[in-house]
Full PDB file with SEQRES, HELIX, SHEET, SSBOND, CRYST1, ORIGX, SCALE, CONECT and MASTER records, all heavy atoms in Angstrom:
SEQRES   1 A   44  GLN PRO PRO GLY GLY GLU ARG VAL PHE VAL ALA SER ILE          
SEQRES   2 A   44  SER TRP ASN GLY VAL THR THR TYR TYR ALA ASP SER VAL          
SEQRES   3 A   44  LYS GLY ARG PHE THR VAL SER ARG ASP ASP VAL LYS ASP          
SEQRES   4 A   44  THR VAL TYR LEU LEU                                          
SHEET    1 AA1 2 ALA A  11  ILE A  13  0                                        
SHEET    2 AA1 2 THR A  20  TYR A  22 -1                                        
SHEET    1 AA2 2 VAL A  32  ASP A  35  0                                        
SHEET    2 AA2 2 THR A  40  LEU A  43 -1                                        
CRYST1    1.000    1.000    1.000  90.00  90.00  90.00 P 1           1          
ORIGX1      1.000000  0.000000  0.000000        0.00000                         
ORIGX2      0.000000  1.000000  0.000000        0.00000                         
ORIGX3      0.000000  0.000000  1.000000        0.00000                         
SCALE1      1.000000  0.000000  0.000000        0.00000                         
SCALE2      0.000000  1.000000  0.000000        0.00000                         
SCALE3      0.000000  0.000000  1.000000        0.00000                         
ATOM      1  N   GLN A   1      97.220  97.700  71.005  1.00  0.00           N  
ATOM      2  CA  GLN A   1      96.044  98.152  70.129  1.00  0.00           C  
ATOM      3  C   GLN A   1      95.167  97.024  70.026  1.00  0.00           C  
ATOM      4  O   GLN A   1      95.432  96.017  69.289  1.00  0.00           O  
ATOM      5  CB  GLN A   1      96.570  98.662  68.794  1.00  0.00           C  
ATOM      6  CG  GLN A   1      95.496  99.258  67.913  1.00  0.00           C  
ATOM      7  CD  GLN A   1      96.089  99.993  66.776  1.00  0.00           C  
ATOM      8  OE1 GLN A   1      97.288  99.974  66.498  1.00  0.00           O  
ATOM      9  NE2 GLN A   1      95.193 100.696  66.034  1.00  0.00           N  
ATOM     10  N   PRO A   2      94.042  96.958  70.678  1.00  0.00           N  
ATOM     11  CA  PRO A   2      93.049  95.914  70.559  1.00  0.00           C  
ATOM     12  C   PRO A   2      92.359  95.945  69.224  1.00  0.00           C  
ATOM     13  O   PRO A   2      92.394  96.984  68.487  1.00  0.00           O  
ATOM     14  CB  PRO A   2      92.091  96.194  71.714  1.00  0.00           C  
ATOM     15  CG  PRO A   2      92.178  97.612  71.908  1.00  0.00           C  
ATOM     16  CD  PRO A   2      93.569  98.004  71.585  1.00  0.00           C  
ATOM     17  N   PRO A   3      91.658  94.906  68.854  1.00  0.00           N  
ATOM     18  CA  PRO A   3      90.874  94.903  67.561  1.00  0.00           C  
ATOM     19  C   PRO A   3      89.901  96.061  67.565  1.00  0.00           C  
ATOM     20  O   PRO A   3      89.050  96.140  68.430  1.00  0.00           O  
ATOM     21  CB  PRO A   3      90.169  93.551  67.611  1.00  0.00           C  
ATOM     22  CG  PRO A   3      91.021  92.656  68.448  1.00  0.00           C  
ATOM     23  CD  PRO A   3      91.609  93.543  69.505  1.00  0.00           C  
ATOM     24  N   GLY A   4      90.012  96.831  66.479  1.00  0.00           N  
ATOM     25  CA  GLY A   4      89.088  97.947  66.338  1.00  0.00           C  
ATOM     26  C   GLY A   4      89.309  99.124  67.254  1.00  0.00           C  
ATOM     27  O   GLY A   4      88.506 100.130  67.270  1.00  0.00           O  
ATOM     28  N   GLY A   5      90.409  99.112  68.077  1.00  0.00           N  
ATOM     29  CA  GLY A   5      90.658 100.132  69.067  1.00  0.00           C  
ATOM     30  C   GLY A   5      91.871 100.944  68.713  1.00  0.00           C  
ATOM     31  O   GLY A   5      92.546 100.744  67.733  1.00  0.00           O  
ATOM     32  N   GLU A   6      92.190 101.901  69.613  1.00  0.00           N  
ATOM     33  CA  GLU A   6      93.316 102.757  69.473  1.00  0.00           C  
ATOM     34  C   GLU A   6      94.490 102.146  70.221  1.00  0.00           C  
ATOM     35  O   GLU A   6      94.382 101.372  71.089  1.00  0.00           O  
ATOM     36  CB  GLU A   6      93.060 104.150  69.967  1.00  0.00           C  
ATOM     37  CG  GLU A   6      91.931 104.890  69.303  1.00  0.00           C  
ATOM     38  CD  GLU A   6      91.783 106.342  69.743  1.00  0.00           C  
ATOM     39  OE1 GLU A   6      92.440 106.626  70.827  1.00  0.00           O  
ATOM     40  OE2 GLU A   6      90.918 107.082  69.233  1.00  0.00           O  
ATOM     41  N   ARG A   7      95.676 102.585  69.809  1.00  0.00           N  
ATOM     42  CA  ARG A   7      96.956 102.217  70.456  1.00  0.00           C  
ATOM     43  C   ARG A   7      97.067 102.968  71.825  1.00  0.00           C  
ATOM     44  O   ARG A   7      97.172 104.297  71.812  1.00  0.00           O  
ATOM     45  CB  ARG A   7      98.133 102.474  69.513  1.00  0.00           C  
ATOM     46  CG  ARG A   7      99.415 101.870  70.027  1.00  0.00           C  
ATOM     47  CD  ARG A   7     100.510 102.048  69.026  1.00  0.00           C  
ATOM     48  NE  ARG A   7     100.231 101.532  67.702  1.00  0.00           N  
ATOM     49  CZ  ARG A   7     100.985 101.455  66.697  1.00  0.00           C  
ATOM     50  NH1 ARG A   7     102.276 101.889  66.843  1.00  0.00           N  
ATOM     51  NH2 ARG A   7     100.621 100.927  65.500  1.00  0.00           N  
ATOM     52  N   VAL A   8      97.109 102.250  72.868  1.00  0.00           N  
ATOM     53  CA  VAL A   8      97.052 102.936  74.183  1.00  0.00           C  
ATOM     54  C   VAL A   8      98.224 102.443  75.093  1.00  0.00           C  
ATOM     55  O   VAL A   8      98.858 101.378  74.840  1.00  0.00           O  
ATOM     56  CB  VAL A   8      95.730 102.612  74.996  1.00  0.00           C  
ATOM     57  CG1 VAL A   8      94.541 103.225  74.206  1.00  0.00           C  
ATOM     58  CG2 VAL A   8      95.601 101.174  75.178  1.00  0.00           C  
ATOM     59  N   PHE A   9      98.621 103.253  76.053  1.00  0.00           N  
ATOM     60  CA  PHE A   9      99.694 102.983  76.924  1.00  0.00           C  
ATOM     61  C   PHE A   9      99.477 101.828  77.815  1.00  0.00           C  
ATOM     62  O   PHE A   9      98.326 101.610  78.327  1.00  0.00           O  
ATOM     63  CB  PHE A   9      99.943 104.261  77.783  1.00  0.00           C  
ATOM     64  CG  PHE A   9     100.964 104.114  78.890  1.00  0.00           C  
ATOM     65  CD1 PHE A   9     102.308 104.195  78.551  1.00  0.00           C  
ATOM     66  CD2 PHE A   9     100.573 103.823  80.171  1.00  0.00           C  
ATOM     67  CE1 PHE A   9     103.301 104.019  79.538  1.00  0.00           C  
ATOM     68  CE2 PHE A   9     101.528 103.680  81.167  1.00  0.00           C  
ATOM     69  CZ  PHE A   9     102.847 103.751  80.862  1.00  0.00           C  
ATOM     70  N   VAL A  10     100.495 101.054  78.054  1.00  0.00           N  
ATOM     71  CA  VAL A  10     100.444  99.861  78.894  1.00  0.00           C  
ATOM     72  C   VAL A  10     101.466  99.979  80.013  1.00  0.00           C  
ATOM     73  O   VAL A  10     101.000  99.896  81.186  1.00  0.00           O  
ATOM     74  CB  VAL A  10     100.748  98.551  78.114  1.00  0.00           C  
ATOM     75  CG1 VAL A  10     100.777  97.365  79.146  1.00  0.00           C  
ATOM     76  CG2 VAL A  10      99.730  98.273  77.026  1.00  0.00           C  
ATOM     77  N   ALA A  11     102.668 100.272  79.794  1.00  0.00           N  
ATOM     78  CA  ALA A  11     103.714 100.335  80.732  1.00  0.00           C  
ATOM     79  C   ALA A  11     104.908 101.023  80.176  1.00  0.00           C  
ATOM     80  O   ALA A  11     105.117 101.114  78.984  1.00  0.00           O  
ATOM     81  CB  ALA A  11     104.094  98.986  81.298  1.00  0.00           C  
ATOM     82  N   SER A  12     105.727 101.590  81.092  1.00  0.00           N  
ATOM     83  CA  SER A  12     107.024 102.274  80.654  1.00  0.00           C  
ATOM     84  C   SER A  12     108.045 102.144  81.792  1.00  0.00           C  
ATOM     85  O   SER A  12     107.767 101.798  82.919  1.00  0.00           O  
ATOM     86  CB  SER A  12     106.772 103.704  80.300  1.00  0.00           C  
ATOM     87  OG  SER A  12     106.283 104.405  81.446  1.00  0.00           O  
ATOM     88  N   ILE A  13     109.321 102.390  81.393  1.00  0.00           N  
ATOM     89  CA  ILE A  13     110.395 102.199  82.301  1.00  0.00           C  
ATOM     90  C   ILE A  13     111.441 103.342  82.008  1.00  0.00           C  
ATOM     91  O   ILE A  13     111.719 103.589  80.799  1.00  0.00           O  
ATOM     92  CB  ILE A  13     110.980 100.846  82.230  1.00  0.00           C  
ATOM     93  CG1 ILE A  13     112.085 100.625  83.308  1.00  0.00           C  
ATOM     94  CG2 ILE A  13     111.600 100.514  80.819  1.00  0.00           C  
ATOM     95  CD1 ILE A  13     112.477  99.203  83.495  1.00  0.00           C  
ATOM     96  N   SER A  14     112.102 103.860  82.991  1.00  0.00           N  
ATOM     97  CA  SER A  14     113.029 104.957  82.812  1.00  0.00           C  
ATOM     98  C   SER A  14     114.362 104.367  82.151  1.00  0.00           C  
ATOM     99  O   SER A  14     114.541 103.142  82.098  1.00  0.00           O  
ATOM    100  CB  SER A  14     113.309 105.657  84.136  1.00  0.00           C  
ATOM    101  OG  SER A  14     113.916 104.696  85.021  1.00  0.00           O  
ATOM    102  N   TRP A  15     115.146 105.219  81.757  1.00  0.00           N  
ATOM    103  CA  TRP A  15     116.416 104.827  81.016  1.00  0.00           C  
ATOM    104  C   TRP A  15     117.262 103.923  81.852  1.00  0.00           C  
ATOM    105  O   TRP A  15     117.942 103.022  81.327  1.00  0.00           O  
ATOM    106  CB  TRP A  15     117.178 106.064  80.547  1.00  0.00           C  
ATOM    107  CG  TRP A  15     117.861 106.765  81.696  1.00  0.00           C  
ATOM    108  CD1 TRP A  15     117.371 107.780  82.426  1.00  0.00           C  
ATOM    109  CD2 TRP A  15     119.199 106.535  82.150  1.00  0.00           C  
ATOM    110  NE1 TRP A  15     118.340 108.127  83.384  1.00  0.00           N  
ATOM    111  CE2 TRP A  15     119.435 107.413  83.169  1.00  0.00           C  
ATOM    112  CE3 TRP A  15     120.262 105.656  81.771  1.00  0.00           C  
ATOM    113  CZ2 TRP A  15     120.618 107.528  83.893  1.00  0.00           C  
ATOM    114  CZ3 TRP A  15     121.446 105.745  82.431  1.00  0.00           C  
ATOM    115  CH2 TRP A  15     121.616 106.612  83.479  1.00  0.00           C  
ATOM    116  N   ASN A  16     117.245 104.151  83.165  1.00  0.00           N  
ATOM    117  CA  ASN A  16     118.122 103.354  84.115  1.00  0.00           C  
ATOM    118  C   ASN A  16     117.404 102.221  84.791  1.00  0.00           C  
ATOM    119  O   ASN A  16     117.930 101.561  85.636  1.00  0.00           O  
ATOM    120  CB  ASN A  16     118.808 104.234  85.126  1.00  0.00           C  
ATOM    121  CG  ASN A  16     117.874 105.072  85.929  1.00  0.00           C  
ATOM    122  OD1 ASN A  16     116.620 104.850  85.848  1.00  0.00           O  
ATOM    123  ND2 ASN A  16     118.379 105.931  86.797  1.00  0.00           N  
ATOM    124  N   GLY A  17     116.132 102.063  84.466  1.00  0.00           N  
ATOM    125  CA  GLY A  17     115.265 101.015  85.042  1.00  0.00           C  
ATOM    126  C   GLY A  17     114.836 101.273  86.437  1.00  0.00           C  
ATOM    127  O   GLY A  17     114.223 100.399  87.074  1.00  0.00           O  
ATOM    128  N   VAL A  18     115.037 102.475  87.042  1.00  0.00           N  
ATOM    129  CA  VAL A  18     114.715 102.742  88.349  1.00  0.00           C  
ATOM    130  C   VAL A  18     113.209 102.996  88.560  1.00  0.00           C  
ATOM    131  O   VAL A  18     112.611 102.587  89.591  1.00  0.00           O  
ATOM    132  CB  VAL A  18     115.515 104.008  88.891  1.00  0.00           C  
ATOM    133  CG1 VAL A  18     114.951 104.420  90.155  1.00  0.00           C  
ATOM    134  CG2 VAL A  18     116.972 103.635  88.978  1.00  0.00           C  
ATOM    135  N   THR A  19     112.540 103.554  87.567  1.00  0.00           N  
ATOM    136  CA  THR A  19     111.153 103.964  87.696  1.00  0.00           C  
ATOM    137  C   THR A  19     110.322 103.296  86.657  1.00  0.00           C  
ATOM    138  O   THR A  19     110.697 103.237  85.459  1.00  0.00           O  
ATOM    139  CB  THR A  19     111.011 105.498  87.553  1.00  0.00           C  
ATOM    140  OG1 THR A  19     111.927 106.174  88.374  1.00  0.00           O  
ATOM    141  CG2 THR A  19     109.604 105.906  87.912  1.00  0.00           C  
ATOM    142  N   THR A  20     109.186 102.751  87.087  1.00  0.00           N  
ATOM    143  CA  THR A  20     108.257 102.117  86.143  1.00  0.00           C  
ATOM    144  C   THR A  20     106.838 102.660  86.336  1.00  0.00           C  
ATOM    145  O   THR A  20     106.498 103.238  87.385  1.00  0.00           O  
ATOM    146  CB  THR A  20     108.207 100.580  86.392  1.00  0.00           C  
ATOM    147  OG1 THR A  20     107.827 100.318  87.743  1.00  0.00           O  
ATOM    148  CG2 THR A  20     109.541  99.921  86.070  1.00  0.00           C  
ATOM    149  N   TYR A  21     106.087 102.654  85.274  1.00  0.00           N  
ATOM    150  CA  TYR A  21     104.730 103.123  85.317  1.00  0.00           C  
ATOM    151  C   TYR A  21     103.779 102.132  84.580  1.00  0.00           C  
ATOM    152  O   TYR A  21     104.254 101.427  83.645  1.00  0.00           O  
ATOM    153  CB  TYR A  21     104.598 104.448  84.561  1.00  0.00           C  
ATOM    154  CG  TYR A  21     105.500 105.576  85.114  1.00  0.00           C  
ATOM    155  CD1 TYR A  21     106.814 105.736  84.660  1.00  0.00           C  
ATOM    156  CD2 TYR A  21     105.075 106.376  86.147  1.00  0.00           C  
ATOM    157  CE1 TYR A  21     107.622 106.673  85.157  1.00  0.00           C  
ATOM    158  CE2 TYR A  21     105.906 107.334  86.698  1.00  0.00           C  
ATOM    159  CZ  TYR A  21     107.179 107.494  86.167  1.00  0.00           C  
ATOM    160  OH  TYR A  21     107.988 108.469  86.694  1.00  0.00           O  
ATOM    161  N   TYR A  22     102.534 102.077  85.005  1.00  0.00           N  
ATOM    162  CA  TYR A  22     101.585 101.111  84.446  1.00  0.00           C  
ATOM    163  C   TYR A  22     100.237 101.707  84.331  1.00  0.00           C  
ATOM    164  O   TYR A  22      99.756 102.543  85.116  1.00  0.00           O  
ATOM    165  CB  TYR A  22     101.481  99.926  85.356  1.00  0.00           C  
ATOM    166  CG  TYR A  22     102.812  99.102  85.588  1.00  0.00           C  
ATOM    167  CD1 TYR A  22     103.596  99.394  86.707  1.00  0.00           C  
ATOM    168  CD2 TYR A  22     103.115  98.103  84.696  1.00  0.00           C  
ATOM    169  CE1 TYR A  22     104.778  98.729  86.829  1.00  0.00           C  
ATOM    170  CE2 TYR A  22     104.313  97.467  84.900  1.00  0.00           C  
ATOM    171  CZ  TYR A  22     105.129  97.717  85.891  1.00  0.00           C  
ATOM    172  OH  TYR A  22     106.324  97.078  86.133  1.00  0.00           O  
ATOM    173  N   ALA A  23      99.564 101.320  83.231  1.00  0.00           N  
ATOM    174  CA  ALA A  23      98.155 101.632  83.162  1.00  0.00           C  
ATOM    175  C   ALA A  23      97.405 100.922  84.212  1.00  0.00           C  
ATOM    176  O   ALA A  23      97.755  99.849  84.679  1.00  0.00           O  
ATOM    177  CB  ALA A  23      97.616 101.220  81.753  1.00  0.00           C  
ATOM    178  N   ASP A  24      96.266 101.604  84.656  1.00  0.00           N  
ATOM    179  CA  ASP A  24      95.493 101.027  85.737  1.00  0.00           C  
ATOM    180  C   ASP A  24      94.945  99.602  85.349  1.00  0.00           C  
ATOM    181  O   ASP A  24      94.806  98.720  86.269  1.00  0.00           O  
ATOM    182  CB  ASP A  24      94.256 101.878  86.074  1.00  0.00           C  
ATOM    183  CG  ASP A  24      94.711 103.158  86.805  1.00  0.00           C  
ATOM    184  OD1 ASP A  24      95.841 103.158  87.348  1.00  0.00           O  
ATOM    185  OD2 ASP A  24      93.905 104.082  86.803  1.00  0.00           O  
ATOM    186  N   SER A  25      94.700  99.373  84.150  1.00  0.00           N  
ATOM    187  CA  SER A  25      94.173  98.067  83.690  1.00  0.00           C  
ATOM    188  C   SER A  25      95.071  96.911  83.786  1.00  0.00           C  
ATOM    189  O   SER A  25      94.683  95.827  83.861  1.00  0.00           O  
ATOM    190  CB  SER A  25      93.696  98.217  82.199  1.00  0.00           C  
ATOM    191  OG  SER A  25      94.801  98.563  81.426  1.00  0.00           O  
ATOM    192  N   VAL A  26      96.434  97.175  84.032  1.00  0.00           N  
ATOM    193  CA  VAL A  26      97.352  96.058  84.101  1.00  0.00           C  
ATOM    194  C   VAL A  26      98.227  96.111  85.413  1.00  0.00           C  
ATOM    195  O   VAL A  26      99.013  95.183  85.648  1.00  0.00           O  
ATOM    196  CB  VAL A  26      98.345  96.108  82.876  1.00  0.00           C  
ATOM    197  CG1 VAL A  26      97.579  96.043  81.590  1.00  0.00           C  
ATOM    198  CG2 VAL A  26      99.294  97.335  82.966  1.00  0.00           C  
ATOM    199  N   LYS A  27      97.983  97.098  86.263  1.00  0.00           N  
ATOM    200  CA  LYS A  27      98.654  97.125  87.544  1.00  0.00           C  
ATOM    201  C   LYS A  27      98.467  95.853  88.331  1.00  0.00           C  
ATOM    202  O   LYS A  27      97.306  95.368  88.487  1.00  0.00           O  
ATOM    203  CB  LYS A  27      98.229  98.355  88.341  1.00  0.00           C  
ATOM    204  CG  LYS A  27      98.848  99.634  87.880  1.00  0.00           C  
ATOM    205  CD  LYS A  27      98.405 100.805  88.729  1.00  0.00           C  
ATOM    206  CE  LYS A  27      98.978 102.140  88.223  1.00  0.00           C  
ATOM    207  NZ  LYS A  27      98.550 103.268  89.052  1.00  0.00           N  
ATOM    208  N   GLY A  28      99.545  95.364  88.887  1.00  0.00           N  
ATOM    209  CA  GLY A  28      99.446  94.111  89.679  1.00  0.00           C  
ATOM    210  C   GLY A  28      99.580  92.837  88.806  1.00  0.00           C  
ATOM    211  O   GLY A  28      99.677  91.761  89.412  1.00  0.00           O  
ATOM    212  N   ARG A  29      99.506  93.025  87.509  1.00  0.00           N  
ATOM    213  CA  ARG A  29      99.501  91.794  86.657  1.00  0.00           C  
ATOM    214  C   ARG A  29     100.689  91.823  85.689  1.00  0.00           C  
ATOM    215  O   ARG A  29     101.241  90.776  85.419  1.00  0.00           O  
ATOM    216  CB  ARG A  29      98.218  91.706  85.798  1.00  0.00           C  
ATOM    217  CG  ARG A  29      96.941  91.541  86.639  1.00  0.00           C  
ATOM    218  CD  ARG A  29      95.735  91.229  85.742  1.00  0.00           C  
ATOM    219  NE  ARG A  29      95.481  92.247  84.773  1.00  0.00           N  
ATOM    220  CZ  ARG A  29      95.410  92.094  83.474  1.00  0.00           C  
ATOM    221  NH1 ARG A  29      95.690  90.942  82.929  1.00  0.00           N  
ATOM    222  NH2 ARG A  29      95.147  93.158  82.641  1.00  0.00           N  
ATOM    223  N   PHE A  30     101.084  92.960  85.240  1.00  0.00           N  
ATOM    224  CA  PHE A  30     102.147  93.138  84.279  1.00  0.00           C  
ATOM    225  C   PHE A  30     103.362  93.738  84.979  1.00  0.00           C  
ATOM    226  O   PHE A  30     103.242  94.574  85.879  1.00  0.00           O  
ATOM    227  CB  PHE A  30     101.797  94.017  83.109  1.00  0.00           C  
ATOM    228  CG  PHE A  30     100.732  93.474  82.120  1.00  0.00           C  
ATOM    229  CD1 PHE A  30     100.080  92.303  82.437  1.00  0.00           C  
ATOM    230  CD2 PHE A  30     100.541  94.066  80.977  1.00  0.00           C  
ATOM    231  CE1 PHE A  30      99.120  91.767  81.593  1.00  0.00           C  
ATOM    232  CE2 PHE A  30      99.614  93.597  80.061  1.00  0.00           C  
ATOM    233  CZ  PHE A  30      98.901  92.449  80.408  1.00  0.00           C  
ATOM    234  N   THR A  31     104.574  93.355  84.545  1.00  0.00           N  
ATOM    235  CA  THR A  31     105.844  93.927  84.985  1.00  0.00           C  
ATOM    236  C   THR A  31     106.747  94.256  83.848  1.00  0.00           C  
ATOM    237  O   THR A  31     107.042  93.444  83.048  1.00  0.00           O  
ATOM    238  CB  THR A  31     106.533  92.940  85.946  1.00  0.00           C  
ATOM    239  OG1 THR A  31     105.689  92.598  87.050  1.00  0.00           O  
ATOM    240  CG2 THR A  31     107.781  93.529  86.554  1.00  0.00           C  
ATOM    241  N   VAL A  32     107.252  95.508  83.841  1.00  0.00           N  
ATOM    242  CA  VAL A  32     108.183  95.964  82.769  1.00  0.00           C  
ATOM    243  C   VAL A  32     109.578  95.943  83.363  1.00  0.00           C  
ATOM    244  O   VAL A  32     109.690  96.398  84.484  1.00  0.00           O  
ATOM    245  CB  VAL A  32     107.768  97.260  82.150  1.00  0.00           C  
ATOM    246  CG1 VAL A  32     107.761  98.359  83.185  1.00  0.00           C  
ATOM    247  CG2 VAL A  32     108.690  97.622  81.022  1.00  0.00           C  
ATOM    248  N   SER A  33     110.573  95.529  82.659  1.00  0.00           N  
ATOM    249  CA  SER A  33     111.948  95.530  83.142  1.00  0.00           C  
ATOM    250  C   SER A  33     112.874  95.717  81.952  1.00  0.00           C  
ATOM    251  O   SER A  33     112.405  95.636  80.746  1.00  0.00           O  
ATOM    252  CB  SER A  33     112.260  94.234  83.868  1.00  0.00           C  
ATOM    253  OG  SER A  33     112.109  93.111  83.013  1.00  0.00           O  
ATOM    254  N   ARG A  34     114.160  95.962  82.178  1.00  0.00           N  
ATOM    255  CA  ARG A  34     115.136  96.106  81.122  1.00  0.00           C  
ATOM    256  C   ARG A  34     116.492  95.583  81.587  1.00  0.00           C  
ATOM    257  O   ARG A  34     116.804  95.574  82.760  1.00  0.00           O  
ATOM    258  CB  ARG A  34     115.212  97.540  80.636  1.00  0.00           C  
ATOM    259  CG  ARG A  34     115.803  98.516  81.602  1.00  0.00           C  
ATOM    260  CD  ARG A  34     115.602  99.966  81.110  1.00  0.00           C  
ATOM    261  NE  ARG A  34     116.184 100.173  79.791  1.00  0.00           N  
ATOM    262  CZ  ARG A  34     115.928 101.244  79.003  1.00  0.00           C  
ATOM    263  NH1 ARG A  34     115.014 102.130  79.420  1.00  0.00           N  
ATOM    264  NH2 ARG A  34     116.501 101.352  77.872  1.00  0.00           N  
ATOM    265  N   ASP A  35     117.227  95.107  80.647  1.00  0.00           N  
ATOM    266  CA  ASP A  35     118.566  94.605  80.832  1.00  0.00           C  
ATOM    267  C   ASP A  35     119.502  95.357  79.974  1.00  0.00           C  
ATOM    268  O   ASP A  35     119.510  95.236  78.676  1.00  0.00           O  
ATOM    269  CB  ASP A  35     118.586  93.118  80.501  1.00  0.00           C  
ATOM    270  CG  ASP A  35     119.854  92.399  80.882  1.00  0.00           C  
ATOM    271  OD1 ASP A  35     120.999  93.015  80.727  1.00  0.00           O  
ATOM    272  OD2 ASP A  35     119.838  91.257  81.332  1.00  0.00           O  
ATOM    273  N   ASP A  36     120.405  96.157  80.556  1.00  0.00           N  
ATOM    274  CA  ASP A  36     121.324  97.059  79.836  1.00  0.00           C  
ATOM    275  C   ASP A  36     122.348  96.197  79.028  1.00  0.00           C  
ATOM    276  O   ASP A  36     122.747  96.589  77.945  1.00  0.00           O  
ATOM    277  CB  ASP A  36     122.023  98.037  80.750  1.00  0.00           C  
ATOM    278  CG  ASP A  36     121.105  99.100  81.310  1.00  0.00           C  
ATOM    279  OD1 ASP A  36     120.017  99.304  80.639  1.00  0.00           O  
ATOM    280  OD2 ASP A  36     121.462  99.678  82.235  1.00  0.00           O  
ATOM    281  N   VAL A  37     122.811  95.115  79.654  1.00  0.00           N  
ATOM    282  CA  VAL A  37     123.795  94.295  78.982  1.00  0.00           C  
ATOM    283  C   VAL A  37     123.263  93.675  77.760  1.00  0.00           C  
ATOM    284  O   VAL A  37     123.891  93.652  76.691  1.00  0.00           O  
ATOM    285  CB  VAL A  37     124.320  93.216  79.971  1.00  0.00           C  
ATOM    286  CG1 VAL A  37     125.279  92.308  79.237  1.00  0.00           C  
ATOM    287  CG2 VAL A  37     125.037  93.868  81.118  1.00  0.00           C  
ATOM    288  N   LYS A  38     122.031  93.153  77.866  1.00  0.00           N  
ATOM    289  CA  LYS A  38     121.377  92.494  76.688  1.00  0.00           C  
ATOM    290  C   LYS A  38     120.672  93.511  75.738  1.00  0.00           C  
ATOM    291  O   LYS A  38     120.254  93.171  74.689  1.00  0.00           O  
ATOM    292  CB  LYS A  38     120.380  91.504  77.159  1.00  0.00           C  
ATOM    293  CG  LYS A  38     120.961  90.339  77.920  1.00  0.00           C  
ATOM    294  CD  LYS A  38     119.906  89.318  78.380  1.00  0.00           C  
ATOM    295  CE  LYS A  38     120.490  88.183  79.081  1.00  0.00           C  
ATOM    296  NZ  LYS A  38     119.432  87.168  79.532  1.00  0.00           N  
ATOM    297  N   ASP A  39     120.577  94.730  76.285  1.00  0.00           N  
ATOM    298  CA  ASP A  39     119.924  95.858  75.547  1.00  0.00           C  
ATOM    299  C   ASP A  39     118.473  95.391  75.149  1.00  0.00           C  
ATOM    300  O   ASP A  39     118.109  95.565  73.958  1.00  0.00           O  
ATOM    301  CB  ASP A  39     120.732  96.236  74.300  1.00  0.00           C  
ATOM    302  CG  ASP A  39     120.376  97.668  73.855  1.00  0.00           C  
ATOM    303  OD1 ASP A  39     119.643  98.383  74.532  1.00  0.00           O  
ATOM    304  OD2 ASP A  39     120.948  97.984  72.767  1.00  0.00           O  
ATOM    305  N   THR A  40     117.811  94.869  76.066  1.00  0.00           N  
ATOM    306  CA  THR A  40     116.450  94.262  75.840  1.00  0.00           C  
ATOM    307  C   THR A  40     115.437  94.789  76.953  1.00  0.00           C  
ATOM    308  O   THR A  40     115.837  94.861  78.098  1.00  0.00           O  
ATOM    309  CB  THR A  40     116.538  92.721  75.884  1.00  0.00           C  
ATOM    310  OG1 THR A  40     117.465  92.303  74.839  1.00  0.00           O  
ATOM    311  CG2 THR A  40     115.145  92.196  75.596  1.00  0.00           C  
ATOM    312  N   VAL A  41     114.314  95.048  76.516  1.00  0.00           N  
ATOM    313  CA  VAL A  41     113.181  95.413  77.383  1.00  0.00           C  
ATOM    314  C   VAL A  41     112.189  94.234  77.428  1.00  0.00           C  
ATOM    315  O   VAL A  41     111.940  93.643  76.378  1.00  0.00           O  
ATOM    316  CB  VAL A  41     112.533  96.741  76.979  1.00  0.00           C  
ATOM    317  CG1 VAL A  41     111.412  97.139  77.951  1.00  0.00           C  
ATOM    318  CG2 VAL A  41     113.571  97.839  76.872  1.00  0.00           C  
ATOM    319  N   TYR A  42     111.536  93.993  78.571  1.00  0.00           N  
ATOM    320  CA  TYR A  42     110.671  92.890  78.777  1.00  0.00           C  
ATOM    321  C   TYR A  42     109.308  93.337  79.283  1.00  0.00           C  
ATOM    322  O   TYR A  42     109.262  94.401  79.972  1.00  0.00           O  
ATOM    323  CB  TYR A  42     111.184  91.806  79.676  1.00  0.00           C  
ATOM    324  CG  TYR A  42     112.566  91.284  79.304  1.00  0.00           C  
ATOM    325  CD1 TYR A  42     113.723  91.821  79.835  1.00  0.00           C  
ATOM    326  CD2 TYR A  42     112.654  90.238  78.386  1.00  0.00           C  
ATOM    327  CE1 TYR A  42     114.967  91.319  79.477  1.00  0.00           C  
ATOM    328  CE2 TYR A  42     113.881  89.728  78.051  1.00  0.00           C  
ATOM    329  CZ  TYR A  42     115.036  90.290  78.630  1.00  0.00           C  
ATOM    330  OH  TYR A  42     116.233  89.778  78.232  1.00  0.00           O  
ATOM    331  N   LEU A  43     108.290  92.673  78.950  1.00  0.00           N  
ATOM    332  CA  LEU A  43     106.973  92.835  79.544  1.00  0.00           C  
ATOM    333  C   LEU A  43     106.463  91.507  79.967  1.00  0.00           C  
ATOM    334  O   LEU A  43     106.098  90.641  79.138  1.00  0.00           O  
ATOM    335  CB  LEU A  43     105.993  93.547  78.574  1.00  0.00           C  
ATOM    336  CG  LEU A  43     104.628  93.830  79.194  1.00  0.00           C  
ATOM    337  CD1 LEU A  43     104.763  94.973  80.199  1.00  0.00           C  
ATOM    338  CD2 LEU A  43     103.620  94.274  78.127  1.00  0.00           C  
ATOM    339  N   LEU A  44     106.490  91.260  81.262  1.00  0.00           N  
ATOM    340  CA  LEU A  44     105.967  90.081  81.901  1.00  0.00           C  
ATOM    341  C   LEU A  44     104.482  90.193  82.130  1.00  0.00           C  
ATOM    342  O   LEU A  44     104.072  91.146  82.862  1.00  0.00           O  
ATOM    343  CB  LEU A  44     106.703  89.656  83.121  1.00  0.00           C  
ATOM    344  CG  LEU A  44     106.081  88.534  83.964  1.00  0.00           C  
ATOM    345  CD1 LEU A  44     106.090  87.289  83.205  1.00  0.00           C  
ATOM    346  CD2 LEU A  44     106.923  88.401  85.295  1.00  0.00           C  
TER     347      LEU A  44                                                      
MASTER        0    0    0    0    4    0    0    6  346    1    0    4          
END                                                                             
């Protein structure tokens, strides 16, 4: 959610980490991942 703006989608990942999705504005720059053991999701 940018200043003065709405909350918008950036990236997502399936429950098993197999499939990822990205907004056009961040494709090629951002990477979403998850670690089941650590039970943590990341956005690089």
